[in-house]
Amino acid sequence: MNADAVGRLMNVILQMQFNLAHVIETFHQQTAEVRQQLEVIFEEEKKVLDGCLKGVDERLKECSALVEDYKKHYSDLSVMSERLRQLGAEPNSLPVGLPADQVEEVVARRLQDLMARGRI
């Protein structure tokens, strides 16, 4: 091979090396951009999940308060029903009582009941 051919071959190899370096640099830039976009999406989805959990927490607090209200009203109604019976009134049936005393048990049993009936 003569010197001109070797020189041209070296130039081609150098140009290929330059092109490959450019492709690699572009790839790294695009990878960094995609990673940044995915991190933004991840943070947005994380906020959505946090919001869902906060909503669940709020509903559970409301549920806990309602269970306590139910227990109080049920107790009051039981006393009133007993007094009415003592006064000679026909006994009225009380509404269904709670299936448990603890809020956690009440919620768990109500969930089971709703699932059994296909409501959730």
C-alpha atoms as a PDB file:
ATOM      1  CA  MET A   1       0.000   0.000   0.000  1.00  0.00           C
ATOM      2  CA  ASN A   2       1.367   3.389  -0.897  1.00  0.00           C
ATOM      3  CA  ALA A   3       1.597   6.401   1.392  1.00  0.00           C
ATOM      4  CA  ASP A   4      -1.407   8.184  -0.167  1.00  0.00           C
ATOM      5  CA  ALA A   5      -3.651   5.167   0.387  1.00  0.00           C
ATOM      6  CA  VAL A   6      -2.451   4.831   3.976  1.00  0.00           C
ATOM      7  CA  GLY A   7      -3.067   8.553   4.533  1.00  0.00           C
ATOM      8  CA  ARG A   8      -6.576   8.340   3.107  1.00  0.00           C
ATOM      9  CA  LEU A   9      -7.288   5.261   5.211  1.00  0.00           C
ATOM     10  CA  MET A  10      -6.044   7.075   8.342  1.00  0.00           C
ATOM     11  CA  ASN A  11      -8.272  10.071   7.506  1.00  0.00           C
ATOM     12  CA  VAL A  12     -11.289   7.781   7.070  1.00  0.00           C
ATOM     13  CA  ILE A  13     -10.544   6.110  10.412  1.00  0.00           C
ATOM     14  CA  LEU A  14     -10.147   9.499  12.126  1.00  0.00           C
ATOM     15  CA  GLN A  15     -13.421  10.707  10.589  1.00  0.00           C
ATOM     16  CA  MET A  16     -15.164   7.527  11.771  1.00  0.00           C
ATOM     17  CA  GLN A  17     -13.710   8.070  15.240  1.00  0.00           C
ATOM     18  CA  PHE A  18     -14.973  11.669  15.241  1.00  0.00           C
ATOM     19  CA  ASN A  19     -18.439  10.576  14.042  1.00  0.00           C
ATOM     20  CA  LEU A  20     -18.594   7.835  16.660  1.00  0.00           C
ATOM     21  CA  ALA A  21     -17.618  10.300  19.408  1.00  0.00           C
ATOM     22  CA  HIS A  22     -20.370  12.648  18.200  1.00  0.00           C
ATOM     23  CA  VAL A  23     -22.945   9.813  18.220  1.00  0.00           C
ATOM     24  CA  ILE A  24     -21.889   8.796  21.740  1.00  0.00           C
ATOM     25  CA  GLU A  25     -22.115  12.392  22.968  1.00  0.00           C
ATOM     26  CA  THR A  26     -25.581  12.784  21.426  1.00  0.00           C
ATOM     27  CA  PHE A  27     -26.664   9.486  22.993  1.00  0.00           C
ATOM     28  CA  HIS A  28     -25.496  10.632  26.442  1.00  0.00           C
ATOM     29  CA  GLN A  29     -27.330  13.952  26.061  1.00  0.00           C
ATOM     30  CA  GLN A  30     -30.542  12.239  25.000  1.00  0.00           C
ATOM     31  CA  THR A  31     -30.215   9.728  27.816  1.00  0.00           C
ATOM     32  CA  ALA A  32     -29.803  12.556  30.329  1.00  0.00           C
ATOM     33  CA  GLU A  33     -32.870  14.358  28.921  1.00  0.00           C
ATOM     34  CA  VAL A  34     -34.992  11.211  29.077  1.00  0.00           C
ATOM     35  CA  ARG A  35     -33.811  10.544  32.636  1.00  0.00           C
ATOM     36  CA  GLN A  36     -34.774  14.087  33.657  1.00  0.00           C
ATOM     37  CA  GLN A  37     -38.221  13.703  32.070  1.00  0.00           C
ATOM     38  CA  LEU A  38     -38.737  10.374  33.810  1.00  0.00           C
ATOM     39  CA  GLU A  39     -37.709  11.889  37.140  1.00  0.00           C
ATOM     40  CA  VAL A  40     -40.307  14.648  36.660  1.00  0.00           C
ATOM     41  CA  ILE A  41     -42.982  12.068  35.801  1.00  0.00           C
ATOM     42  CA  PHE A  42     -41.915   9.953  38.788  1.00  0.00           C
ATOM     43  CA  GLU A  43     -42.268  12.912  41.149  1.00  0.00           C
ATOM     44  CA  GLU A  44     -45.684  13.786  39.709  1.00  0.00           C
ATOM     45  CA  GLU A  45     -46.898  10.203  40.152  1.00  0.00           C
ATOM     46  CA  LYS A  46     -45.447  10.124  43.656  1.00  0.00           C
ATOM     47  CA  LYS A  47     -47.472  13.248  44.511  1.00  0.00           C
ATOM     48  CA  VAL A  48     -50.604  11.572  43.128  1.00  0.00           C
ATOM     49  CA  LEU A  49     -49.996   8.525  45.338  1.00  0.00           C
ATOM     50  CA  ASP A  50     -49.362  10.749  48.356  1.00  0.00           C
ATOM     51  CA  GLY A  51     -52.669  12.502  47.642  1.00  0.00           C
ATOM     52  CA  CYS A  52     -54.453   9.156  47.438  1.00  0.00           C
ATOM     53  CA  LEU A  53     -53.045   8.087  50.796  1.00  0.00           C
ATOM     54  CA  LYS A  54     -54.007  11.394  52.349  1.00  0.00           C
ATOM     55  CA  GLY A  55     -57.522  10.886  51.012  1.00  0.00           C
ATOM     56  CA  VAL A  56     -57.648   7.384  52.468  1.00  0.00           C
ATOM     57  CA  ASP A  57     -56.391   8.737  55.801  1.00  0.00           C
ATOM     58  CA  GLU A  58     -59.066  11.431  55.829  1.00  0.00           C
ATOM     59  CA  ARG A  59     -61.810   8.915  55.032  1.00  0.00           C
ATOM     60  CA  LEU A  60     -60.556   6.644  57.793  1.00  0.00           C
ATOM     61  CA  LYS A  61     -60.648   9.531  60.268  1.00  0.00           C
ATOM     62  CA  GLU A  62     -64.199  10.326  59.152  1.00  0.00           C
ATOM     63  CA  CYS A  63     -65.107   6.648  59.431  1.00  0.00           C
ATOM     64  CA  SER A  64     -63.662   6.480  62.930  1.00  0.00           C
ATOM     65  CA  ALA A  65     -65.722   9.491  63.996  1.00  0.00           C
ATOM     66  CA  LEU A  66     -68.858   7.977  62.445  1.00  0.00           C
ATOM     67  CA  VAL A  67     -68.287   4.693  64.260  1.00  0.00           C
ATOM     68  CA  GLU A  68     -68.033   6.567  67.548  1.00  0.00           C
ATOM     69  CA  ASP A  69     -71.192   8.538  66.721  1.00  0.00           C
ATOM     70  CA  TYR A  70     -72.990   5.303  65.850  1.00  0.00           C
ATOM     71  CA  LYS A  71     -71.959   3.712  69.134  1.00  0.00           C
ATOM     72  CA  LYS A  72     -73.207   6.729  71.114  1.00  0.00           C
ATOM     73  CA  HIS A  73     -76.521   6.976  69.255  1.00  0.00           C
ATOM     74  CA  TYR A  74     -77.055   3.223  69.442  1.00  0.00           C
ATOM     75  CA  SER A  75     -76.481   3.315  73.184  1.00  0.00           C
ATOM     76  CA  ASP A  76     -78.874   6.254  73.579  1.00  0.00           C
ATOM     77  CA  LEU A  77     -81.473   4.497  71.430  1.00  0.00           C
ATOM     78  CA  SER A  78     -81.125   1.288  73.448  1.00  0.00           C
ATOM     79  CA  VAL A  79     -81.787   3.191  76.674  1.00  0.00           C
ATOM     80  CA  MET A  80     -84.752   4.950  75.092  1.00  0.00           C
ATOM     81  CA  SER A  81     -86.155   1.643  73.799  1.00  0.00           C
ATOM     82  CA  GLU A  82     -85.873   0.110  77.251  1.00  0.00           C
ATOM     83  CA  ARG A  83     -87.643   3.081  78.848  1.00  0.00           C
ATOM     84  CA  LEU A  84     -90.440   2.847  76.275  1.00  0.00           C
ATOM     85  CA  ARG A  85     -90.880  -0.848  77.085  1.00  0.00           C
ATOM     86  CA  GLN A  86     -91.010  -0.019  80.786  1.00  0.00           C
ATOM     87  CA  LEU A  87     -93.765   2.463  80.002  1.00  0.00           C
ATOM     88  CA  GLY A  88     -95.730  -0.255  78.223  1.00  0.00           C
ATOM     89  CA  ALA A  89     -94.911   0.554  74.605  1.00  0.00           C
ATOM     90  CA  GLU A  90     -94.565  -2.178  72.007  1.00  0.00           C
ATOM     91  CA  PRO A  91     -90.894  -3.100  71.683  1.00  0.00           C
ATOM     92  CA  ASN A  92     -89.370  -1.684  68.538  1.00  0.00           C
ATOM     93  CA  SER A  93     -86.456  -3.471  66.997  1.00  0.00           C
ATOM     94  CA  LEU A  94     -83.173  -1.644  67.197  1.00  0.00           C
ATOM     95  CA  PRO A  95     -81.077  -1.097  64.092  1.00  0.00           C
ATOM     96  CA  VAL A  96     -78.235  -3.488  63.484  1.00  0.00           C
ATOM     97  CA  GLY A  97     -75.485  -3.039  66.020  1.00  0.00           C
ATOM     98  CA  LEU A  98     -71.852  -2.737  65.102  1.00  0.00           C
ATOM     99  CA  PRO A  99     -70.115  -6.044  64.489  1.00  0.00           C
ATOM    100  CA  ALA A 100     -67.240  -5.133  66.856  1.00  0.00           C
ATOM    101  CA  ASP A 101     -66.120  -2.581  69.409  1.00  0.00           C
ATOM    102  CA  GLN A 102     -62.845  -1.438  67.858  1.00  0.00           C
ATOM    103  CA  VAL A 103     -62.913   0.841  64.820  1.00  0.00           C
ATOM    104  CA  GLU A 104     -60.383  -1.365  63.007  1.00  0.00           C
ATOM    105  CA  GLU A 105     -62.581  -4.416  63.437  1.00  0.00           C
ATOM    106  CA  VAL A 106     -65.710  -2.525  62.398  1.00  0.00           C
ATOM    107  CA  VAL A 107     -64.027  -1.287  59.214  1.00  0.00           C
ATOM    108  CA  ALA A 108     -62.588  -4.721  58.424  1.00  0.00           C
ATOM    109  CA  ARG A 109     -65.930  -6.458  58.899  1.00  0.00           C
ATOM    110  CA  ARG A 110     -67.840  -3.832  56.938  1.00  0.00           C
ATOM    111  CA  LEU A 111     -65.316  -4.190  54.089  1.00  0.00           C
ATOM    112  CA  GLN A 112     -65.752  -7.968  54.150  1.00  0.00           C
ATOM    113  CA  ASP A 113     -69.520  -7.543  54.098  1.00  0.00           C
ATOM    114  CA  LEU A 114     -69.409  -5.121  51.169  1.00  0.00           C
ATOM    115  CA  MET A 115     -67.067  -7.427  49.237  1.00  0.00           C
ATOM    116  CA  ALA A 116     -69.268 -10.432  49.959  1.00  0.00           C
ATOM    117  CA  ARG A 117     -72.251  -8.557  48.538  1.00  0.00           C
ATOM    118  CA  GLY A 118     -70.207  -7.468  45.505  1.00  0.00           C
ATOM    119  CA  ARG A 119     -70.488  -3.784  46.305  1.00  0.00           C
ATOM    120  CA  ILE A 120     -66.719  -3.218  46.186  1.00  0.00           C
END
